Amino acid sequence: MAAAAHLTFAAKKDTFSRKEILTEMKDATTYYNANMSSNLGKALDTLVKAKRLNQVKVGVYALSASERSTLEAKLAQLG
């Protein structure tokens, strides 16, 4: 979710690919480990089923409207 949020709010992208998500995850070097790459598909499926991400088309995702609103509110609180 952090990678999706960064792509949405910092990179100003409405949609992003699985590859872009993985690249963002890898950039978080203190958090990322190699297992995350092999589990990414399952994690994305879980987030889509939980309605936190929308799958726009195969391999392309976007934050759901409700998740975007929630994250915007949290970011606003941070200042």
PDB file of N, CA and C in Angstrom:
ATOM      1  N   MET A   1       0.821  -1.188   0.000  1.00  0.00           N
ATOM      2  CA  MET A   1       0.000   0.000   0.000  1.00  0.00           C
ATOM      3  C   MET A   1       0.865   1.251   0.000  1.00  0.00           C
ATOM      4  N   ALA A   2       1.997   1.188   0.678  1.00  0.00           N
ATOM      5  CA  ALA A   2       2.882   2.357   0.705  1.00  0.00           C
ATOM      6  C   ALA A   2       3.380   2.688  -0.701  1.00  0.00           C
ATOM      7  N   ALA A   3       3.716   1.666  -1.466  1.00  0.00           N
ATOM      8  CA  ALA A   3       4.181   1.890  -2.838  1.00  0.00           C
ATOM      9  C   ALA A   3       3.069   2.497  -3.688  1.00  0.00           C
ATOM     10  N   ALA A   4       1.857   1.982  -3.543  1.00  0.00           N
ATOM     11  CA  ALA A   4       0.716   2.512  -4.298  1.00  0.00           C
ATOM     12  C   ALA A   4       0.428   3.955  -3.890  1.00  0.00           C
ATOM     13  N   ALA A   5       0.511   4.240  -2.607  1.00  0.00           N
ATOM     14  CA  ALA A   5       0.281   5.604  -2.128  1.00  0.00           C
ATOM     15  C   ALA A   5       1.353   6.549  -2.674  1.00  0.00           C
ATOM     16  N   HIS A   6       2.606   6.102  -2.667  1.00  0.00           N
ATOM     17  CA  HIS A   6       3.681   6.947  -3.183  1.00  0.00           C
ATOM     18  C   HIS A   6       3.489   7.233  -4.670  1.00  0.00           C
ATOM     19  N   LEU A   7       3.126   6.217  -5.417  1.00  0.00           N
ATOM     20  CA  LEU A   7       2.891   6.410  -6.848  1.00  0.00           C
ATOM     21  C   LEU A   7       1.723   7.362  -7.092  1.00  0.00           C
ATOM     22  N   THR A   8       0.698   7.277  -6.256  1.00  0.00           N
ATOM     23  CA  THR A   8      -0.481   8.115  -6.427  1.00  0.00           C
ATOM     24  C   THR A   8      -0.211   9.560  -6.029  1.00  0.00           C
ATOM     25  N   PHE A   9       0.331   9.757  -4.837  1.00  0.00           N
ATOM     26  CA  PHE A   9       0.444  11.110  -4.297  1.00  0.00           C
ATOM     27  C   PHE A   9       1.757  11.809  -4.650  1.00  0.00           C
ATOM     28  N   ALA A  10       2.866  11.119  -4.615  1.00  0.00           N
ATOM     29  CA  ALA A  10       4.155  11.747  -4.900  1.00  0.00           C
ATOM     30  C   ALA A  10       4.441  11.779  -6.403  1.00  0.00           C
ATOM     31  N   ALA A  11       4.189  10.658  -7.071  1.00  0.00           N
ATOM     32  CA  ALA A  11       4.450  10.587  -8.515  1.00  0.00           C
ATOM     33  C   ALA A  11       3.264  11.075  -9.345  1.00  0.00           C
ATOM     34  N   LYS A  12       2.137  11.360  -8.675  1.00  0.00           N
ATOM     35  CA  LYS A  12       0.928  11.895  -9.331  1.00  0.00           C
ATOM     36  C   LYS A  12       0.420  10.991 -10.453  1.00  0.00           C
ATOM     37  N   LYS A  13       0.405   9.669 -10.182  1.00  0.00           N
ATOM     38  CA  LYS A  13      -0.085   8.698 -11.165  1.00  0.00           C
ATOM     39  C   LYS A  13      -1.440   8.173 -10.710  1.00  0.00           C
ATOM     40  N   ASP A  14      -2.410   8.173 -11.606  1.00  0.00           N
ATOM     41  CA  ASP A  14      -3.723   7.627 -11.277  1.00  0.00           C
ATOM     42  C   ASP A  14      -3.723   6.107 -11.340  1.00  0.00           C
ATOM     43  N   THR A  15      -2.934   5.558 -12.262  1.00  0.00           N
ATOM     44  CA  THR A  15      -2.808   4.105 -12.386  1.00  0.00           C
ATOM     45  C   THR A  15      -1.328   3.757 -12.455  1.00  0.00           C
ATOM     46  N   PHE A  16      -1.027   2.516 -12.108  1.00  0.00           N
ATOM     47  CA  PHE A  16       0.361   2.074 -12.087  1.00  0.00           C
ATOM     48  C   PHE A  16       0.403   0.577 -12.302  1.00  0.00           C
ATOM     49  N   SER A  17       1.494   0.134 -12.865  1.00  0.00           N
ATOM     50  CA  SER A  17       1.640  -1.284 -13.186  1.00  0.00           C
ATOM     51  C   SER A  17       2.219  -2.061 -12.002  1.00  0.00           C
ATOM     52  N   ARG A  18       2.112  -3.361 -12.107  1.00  0.00           N
ATOM     53  CA  ARG A  18       2.711  -4.248 -11.109  1.00  0.00           C
ATOM     54  C   ARG A  18       4.220  -3.995 -11.034  1.00  0.00           C
ATOM     55  N   LYS A  19       4.837  -3.783 -12.184  1.00  0.00           N
ATOM     56  CA  LYS A  19       6.272  -3.527 -12.233  1.00  0.00           C
ATOM     57  C   LYS A  19       6.628  -2.231 -11.498  1.00  0.00           C
ATOM     58  N   GLU A  20       5.807  -1.198 -11.668  1.00  0.00           N
ATOM     59  CA  GLU A  20       6.059   0.067 -10.972  1.00  0.00           C
ATOM     60  C   GLU A  20       5.918  -0.097  -9.461  1.00  0.00           C
ATOM     61  N   ILE A  21       4.936  -0.877  -9.039  1.00  0.00           N
ATOM     62  CA  ILE A  21       4.758  -1.145  -7.609  1.00  0.00           C
ATOM     63  C   ILE A  21       5.999  -1.850  -7.070  1.00  0.00           C
ATOM     64  N   LEU A  22       6.461  -2.863  -7.777  1.00  0.00           N
ATOM     65  CA  LEU A  22       7.637  -3.608  -7.336  1.00  0.00           C
ATOM     66  C   LEU A  22       8.874  -2.711  -7.269  1.00  0.00           C
ATOM     67  N   THR A  23       9.050  -1.845  -8.248  1.00  0.00           N
ATOM     68  CA  THR A  23      10.185  -0.919  -8.248  1.00  0.00           C
ATOM     69  C   THR A  23      10.125  -0.005  -7.024  1.00  0.00           C
ATOM     70  N   GLU A  24       8.934   0.504  -6.708  1.00  0.00           N
ATOM     71  CA  GLU A  24       8.767   1.353  -5.522  1.00  0.00           C
ATOM     72  C   GLU A  24       9.090   0.571  -4.250  1.00  0.00           C
ATOM     73  N   MET A  25       8.642  -0.661  -4.197  1.00  0.00           N
ATOM     74  CA  MET A  25       8.926  -1.492  -3.030  1.00  0.00           C
ATOM     75  C   MET A  25      10.426  -1.705  -2.862  1.00  0.00           C
ATOM     76  N   LYS A  26      11.105  -1.969  -3.953  1.00  0.00           N
ATOM     77  CA  LYS A  26      12.551  -2.205  -3.903  1.00  0.00           C
ATOM     78  C   LYS A  26      13.306  -0.952  -3.461  1.00  0.00           C
ATOM     79  N   ASP A  27      12.745   0.218  -3.744  1.00  0.00           N
ATOM     80  CA  ASP A  27      13.379   1.468  -3.330  1.00  0.00           C
ATOM     81  C   ASP A  27      13.335   1.659  -1.808  1.00  0.00           C
ATOM     82  N   ALA A  28      12.421   0.972  -1.148  1.00  0.00           N
ATOM     83  CA  ALA A  28      12.336   1.018   0.321  1.00  0.00           C
ATOM     84  C   ALA A  28      13.293  -0.037   0.874  1.00  0.00           C
ATOM     85  N   THR A  29      14.571   0.223   0.765  1.00  0.00           N
ATOM     86  CA  THR A  29      15.601  -0.793   1.023  1.00  0.00           C
ATOM     87  C   THR A  29      15.603  -1.334   2.451  1.00  0.00           C
ATOM     88  N   THR A  30      15.203  -0.541   3.425  1.00  0.00           N
ATOM     89  CA  THR A  30      15.204  -1.050   4.803  1.00  0.00           C
ATOM     90  C   THR A  30      14.007  -1.946   5.075  1.00  0.00           C
ATOM     91  N   TYR A  31      12.995  -1.896   4.229  1.00  0.00           N
ATOM     92  CA  TYR A  31      11.779  -2.680   4.429  1.00  0.00           C
ATOM     93  C   TYR A  31      11.686  -3.877   3.479  1.00  0.00           C
ATOM     94  N   TYR A  32      12.140  -3.699   2.265  1.00  0.00           N
ATOM     95  CA  TYR A  32      11.967  -4.714   1.213  1.00  0.00           C
ATOM     96  C   TYR A  32      12.855  -5.933   1.440  1.00  0.00           C
ATOM     97  N   ASN A  33      12.286  -7.117   1.175  1.00  0.00           N
ATOM     98  CA  ASN A  33      13.103  -8.333   1.092  1.00  0.00           C
ATOM     99  C   ASN A  33      12.661  -9.121  -0.138  1.00  0.00           C
ATOM    100  N   ALA A  34      13.489 -10.014  -0.599  1.00  0.00           N
ATOM    101  CA  ALA A  34      13.266 -10.715  -1.870  1.00  0.00           C
ATOM    102  C   ALA A  34      11.978 -11.526  -1.905  1.00  0.00           C
ATOM    103  N   ASN A  35      11.508 -12.003  -0.770  1.00  0.00           N
ATOM    104  CA  ASN A  35      10.264 -12.772  -0.735  1.00  0.00           C
ATOM    105  C   ASN A  35       9.069 -11.946  -1.196  1.00  0.00           C
ATOM    106  N   MET A  36       9.152 -10.652  -1.013  1.00  0.00           N
ATOM    107  CA  MET A  36       8.036  -9.785  -1.397  1.00  0.00           C
ATOM    108  C   MET A  36       7.771  -9.839  -2.895  1.00  0.00           C
ATOM    109  N   SER A  37       8.800  -9.994  -3.675  1.00  0.00           N
ATOM    110  CA  SER A  37       8.638 -10.067  -5.116  1.00  0.00           C
ATOM    111  C   SER A  37       7.834 -11.295  -5.522  1.00  0.00           C
ATOM    112  N   SER A  38       8.160 -12.438  -4.929  1.00  0.00           N
ATOM    113  CA  SER A  38       7.458 -13.671  -5.288  1.00  0.00           C
ATOM    114  C   SER A  38       6.038 -13.704  -4.730  1.00  0.00           C
ATOM    115  N   ASN A  39       5.768 -12.934  -3.692  1.00  0.00           N
ATOM    116  CA  ASN A  39       4.431 -12.902  -3.093  1.00  0.00           C
ATOM    117  C   ASN A  39       3.586 -11.725  -3.561  1.00  0.00           C
ATOM    118  N   LEU A  40       4.120 -10.912  -4.464  1.00  0.00           N
ATOM    119  CA  LEU A  40       3.427  -9.687  -4.862  1.00  0.00           C
ATOM    120  C   LEU A  40       2.073  -9.965  -5.514  1.00  0.00           C
ATOM    121  N   GLY A  41       1.996 -10.944  -6.377  1.00  0.00           N
ATOM    122  CA  GLY A  41       0.730 -11.255  -7.044  1.00  0.00           C
ATOM    123  C   GLY A  41      -0.370 -11.569  -6.055  1.00  0.00           C
ATOM    124  N   LYS A  42      -0.057 -12.407  -5.086  1.00  0.00           N
ATOM    125  CA  LYS A  42      -1.043 -12.768  -4.064  1.00  0.00           C
ATOM    126  C   LYS A  42      -1.423 -11.550  -3.217  1.00  0.00           C
ATOM    127  N   ALA A  43      -0.431 -10.734  -2.875  1.00  0.00           N
ATOM    128  CA  ALA A  43      -0.701  -9.535  -2.080  1.00  0.00           C
ATOM    129  C   ALA A  43      -1.608  -8.568  -2.836  1.00  0.00           C
ATOM    130  N   LEU A  44      -1.351  -8.383  -4.120  1.00  0.00           N
ATOM    131  CA  LEU A  44      -2.189  -7.496  -4.924  1.00  0.00           C
ATOM    132  C   LEU A  44      -3.607  -8.041  -5.032  1.00  0.00           C
ATOM    133  N   ASP A  45      -3.742  -9.348  -5.233  1.00  0.00           N
ATOM    134  CA  ASP A  45      -5.076  -9.962  -5.287  1.00  0.00           C
ATOM    135  C   ASP A  45      -5.835  -9.732  -3.989  1.00  0.00           C
ATOM    136  N   THR A  46      -5.149  -9.864  -2.860  1.00  0.00           N
ATOM    137  CA  THR A  46      -5.767  -9.647  -1.553  1.00  0.00           C
ATOM    138  C   THR A  46      -6.235  -8.199  -1.413  1.00  0.00           C
ATOM    139  N   LEU A  47      -5.410  -7.256  -1.844  1.00  0.00           N
ATOM    140  CA  LEU A  47      -5.775  -5.840  -1.756  1.00  0.00           C
ATOM    141  C   LEU A  47      -6.945  -5.501  -2.677  1.00  0.00           C
ATOM    142  N   VAL A  48      -7.015  -6.137  -3.830  1.00  0.00           N
ATOM    143  CA  VAL A  48      -8.145  -5.929  -4.739  1.00  0.00           C
ATOM    144  C   VAL A  48      -9.419  -6.490  -4.109  1.00  0.00           C
ATOM    145  N   LYS A  49      -9.343  -7.690  -3.549  1.00  0.00           N
ATOM    146  CA  LYS A  49     -10.521  -8.294  -2.908  1.00  0.00           C
ATOM    147  C   LYS A  49     -10.984  -7.483  -1.707  1.00  0.00           C
ATOM    148  N   ALA A  50     -10.049  -6.849  -1.006  1.00  0.00           N
ATOM    149  CA  ALA A  50     -10.385  -6.014   0.149  1.00  0.00           C
ATOM    150  C   ALA A  50     -10.850  -4.623  -0.274  1.00  0.00           C
ATOM    151  N   LYS A  51     -10.876  -4.365  -1.572  1.00  0.00           N
ATOM    152  CA  LYS A  51     -11.313  -3.096  -2.157  1.00  0.00           C
ATOM    153  C   LYS A  51     -10.433  -1.916  -1.749  1.00  0.00           C
ATOM    154  N   ARG A  52      -9.168  -2.205  -1.504  1.00  0.00           N
ATOM    155  CA  ARG A  52      -8.200  -1.134  -1.238  1.00  0.00           C
ATOM    156  C   ARG A  52      -7.536  -0.687  -2.530  1.00  0.00           C
ATOM    157  N   LEU A  53      -7.414  -1.620  -3.481  1.00  0.00           N
ATOM    158  CA  LEU A  53      -6.919  -1.326  -4.821  1.00  0.00           C
ATOM    159  C   LEU A  53      -7.963  -1.757  -5.838  1.00  0.00           C
ATOM    160  N   ASN A  54      -8.012  -1.053  -6.948  1.00  0.00           N
ATOM    161  CA  ASN A  54      -8.823  -1.478  -8.081  1.00  0.00           C
ATOM    162  C   ASN A  54      -7.882  -2.012  -9.146  1.00  0.00           C
ATOM    163  N   GLN A  55      -8.273  -3.110  -9.765  1.00  0.00           N
ATOM    164  CA  GLN A  55      -7.511  -3.614 -10.898  1.00  0.00           C
ATOM    165  C   GLN A  55      -8.165  -3.050 -12.147  1.00  0.00           C
ATOM    166  N   VAL A  56      -7.499  -2.092 -12.786  1.00  0.00           N
ATOM    167  CA  VAL A  56      -8.036  -1.394 -13.943  1.00  0.00           C
ATOM    168  C   VAL A  56      -8.064  -2.317 -15.157  1.00  0.00           C
ATOM    169  N   LYS A  57      -6.968  -3.031 -15.346  1.00  0.00           N
ATOM    170  CA  LYS A  57      -6.859  -4.094 -16.342  1.00  0.00           C
ATOM    171  C   LYS A  57      -5.759  -5.008 -15.857  1.00  0.00           C
ATOM    172  N   VAL A  58      -5.488  -6.067 -16.566  1.00  0.00           N
ATOM    173  CA  VAL A  58      -4.492  -7.039 -16.112  1.00  0.00           C
ATOM    174  C   VAL A  58      -3.152  -6.343 -15.878  1.00  0.00           C
ATOM    175  N   GLY A  59      -2.676  -6.422 -14.657  1.00  0.00           N
ATOM    176  CA  GLY A  59      -1.381  -5.853 -14.313  1.00  0.00           C
ATOM    177  C   GLY A  59      -1.350  -4.356 -14.077  1.00  0.00           C
ATOM    178  N   VAL A  60      -2.523  -3.714 -14.085  1.00  0.00           N
ATOM    179  CA  VAL A  60      -2.602  -2.262 -13.872  1.00  0.00           C
ATOM    180  C   VAL A  60      -3.569  -1.997 -12.725  1.00  0.00           C
ATOM    181  N   TYR A  61      -3.130  -1.174 -11.773  1.00  0.00           N
ATOM    182  CA  TYR A  61      -3.876  -0.947 -10.545  1.00  0.00           C
ATOM    183  C   TYR A  61      -4.041   0.543 -10.261  1.00  0.00           C
ATOM    184  N   ALA A  62      -4.989   0.843  -9.373  1.00  0.00           N
ATOM    185  CA  ALA A  62      -5.215   2.203  -8.891  1.00  0.00           C
ATOM    186  C   ALA A  62      -5.761   2.094  -7.479  1.00  0.00           C
ATOM    187  N   LEU A  63      -5.519   3.113  -6.674  1.00  0.00           N
ATOM    188  CA  LEU A  63      -6.140   3.135  -5.350  1.00  0.00           C
ATOM    189  C   LEU A  63      -7.649   3.226  -5.517  1.00  0.00           C
ATOM    190  N   SER A  64      -8.388   2.522  -4.692  1.00  0.00           N
ATOM    191  CA  SER A  64      -9.839   2.660  -4.715  1.00  0.00           C
ATOM    192  C   SER A  64     -10.193   4.047  -4.197  1.00  0.00           C
ATOM    193  N   ALA A  65     -11.374   4.529  -4.522  1.00  0.00           N
ATOM    194  CA  ALA A  65     -11.791   5.869  -4.087  1.00  0.00           C
ATOM    195  C   ALA A  65     -11.794   5.980  -2.573  1.00  0.00           C
ATOM    196  N   SER A  66     -12.292   4.961  -1.895  1.00  0.00           N
ATOM    197  CA  SER A  66     -12.349   5.015  -0.432  1.00  0.00           C
ATOM    198  C   SER A  66     -10.945   4.986   0.181  1.00  0.00           C
ATOM    199  N   GLU A  67     -10.059   4.184  -0.371  1.00  0.00           N
ATOM    200  CA  GLU A  67      -8.687   4.118   0.144  1.00  0.00           C
ATOM    201  C   GLU A  67      -7.955   5.427  -0.115  1.00  0.00           C
ATOM    202  N   ARG A  68      -8.189   6.003  -1.269  1.00  0.00           N
ATOM    203  CA  ARG A  68      -7.564   7.292  -1.583  1.00  0.00           C
ATOM    204  C   ARG A  68      -8.017   8.362  -0.586  1.00  0.00           C
ATOM    205  N   SER A  69      -9.307   8.405  -0.300  1.00  0.00           N
ATOM    206  CA  SER A  69      -9.830   9.375   0.664  1.00  0.00           C
ATOM    207  C   SER A  69      -9.233   9.166   2.043  1.00  0.00           C
ATOM    208  N   THR A  70      -9.150   7.912   2.467  1.00  0.00           N
ATOM    209  CA  THR A  70      -8.579   7.596   3.777  1.00  0.00           C
ATOM    210  C   THR A  70      -7.125   8.051   3.856  1.00  0.00           C
ATOM    211  N   LEU A  71      -6.358   7.743   2.832  1.00  0.00           N
ATOM    212  CA  LEU A  71      -4.944   8.125   2.822  1.00  0.00           C
ATOM    213  C   LEU A  71      -4.762   9.642   2.737  1.00  0.00           C
ATOM    214  N   GLU A  72      -5.612  10.317   1.962  1.00  0.00           N
ATOM    215  CA  GLU A  72      -5.537  11.779   1.883  1.00  0.00           C
ATOM    216  C   GLU A  72      -5.776  12.398   3.250  1.00  0.00           C
ATOM    217  N   ALA A  73      -6.758  11.870   3.988  1.00  0.00           N
ATOM    218  CA  ALA A  73      -7.037  12.380   5.326  1.00  0.00           C
ATOM    219  C   ALA A  73      -5.863  12.153   6.267  1.00  0.00           C
ATOM    220  N   LYS A  74      -5.248  10.990   6.191  1.00  0.00           N
ATOM    221  CA  LYS A  74      -4.092  10.707   7.044  1.00  0.00           C
ATOM    222  C   LYS A  74      -2.918  11.616   6.691  1.00  0.00           C
ATOM    223  N   LEU A  75      -2.702  11.845   5.413  1.00  0.00           N
ATOM    224  CA  LEU A  75      -1.613  12.727   4.988  1.00  0.00           C
ATOM    225  C   LEU A  75      -1.877  14.170   5.429  1.00  0.00           C
ATOM    226  N   ALA A  76      -3.120  14.599   5.381  1.00  0.00           N
ATOM    227  CA  ALA A  76      -3.473  15.956   5.809  1.00  0.00           C
ATOM    228  C   ALA A  76      -3.198  16.143   7.301  1.00  0.00           C
ATOM    229  N   GLN A  77      -3.428  15.110   8.094  1.00  0.00           N
ATOM    230  CA  GLN A  77      -3.156  15.180   9.522  1.00  0.00           C
ATOM    231  C   GLN A  77      -1.664  15.330   9.813  1.00  0.00           C
ATOM    232  N   LEU A  78      -0.841  14.760   8.936  1.00  0.00           N
ATOM    233  CA  LEU A  78       0.603  14.840   9.127  1.00  0.00           C
ATOM    234  C   LEU A  78       1.147  16.232   8.802  1.00  0.00           C
ATOM    235  N   GLY A  79       0.354  16.968   8.059  1.00  0.00           N
ATOM    236  CA  GLY A  79       0.748  18.353   7.810  1.00  0.00           C
ATOM    237  C   GLY A  79       1.253  18.583   6.474  1.00  0.00           C
TER     238      GLY A  79
END
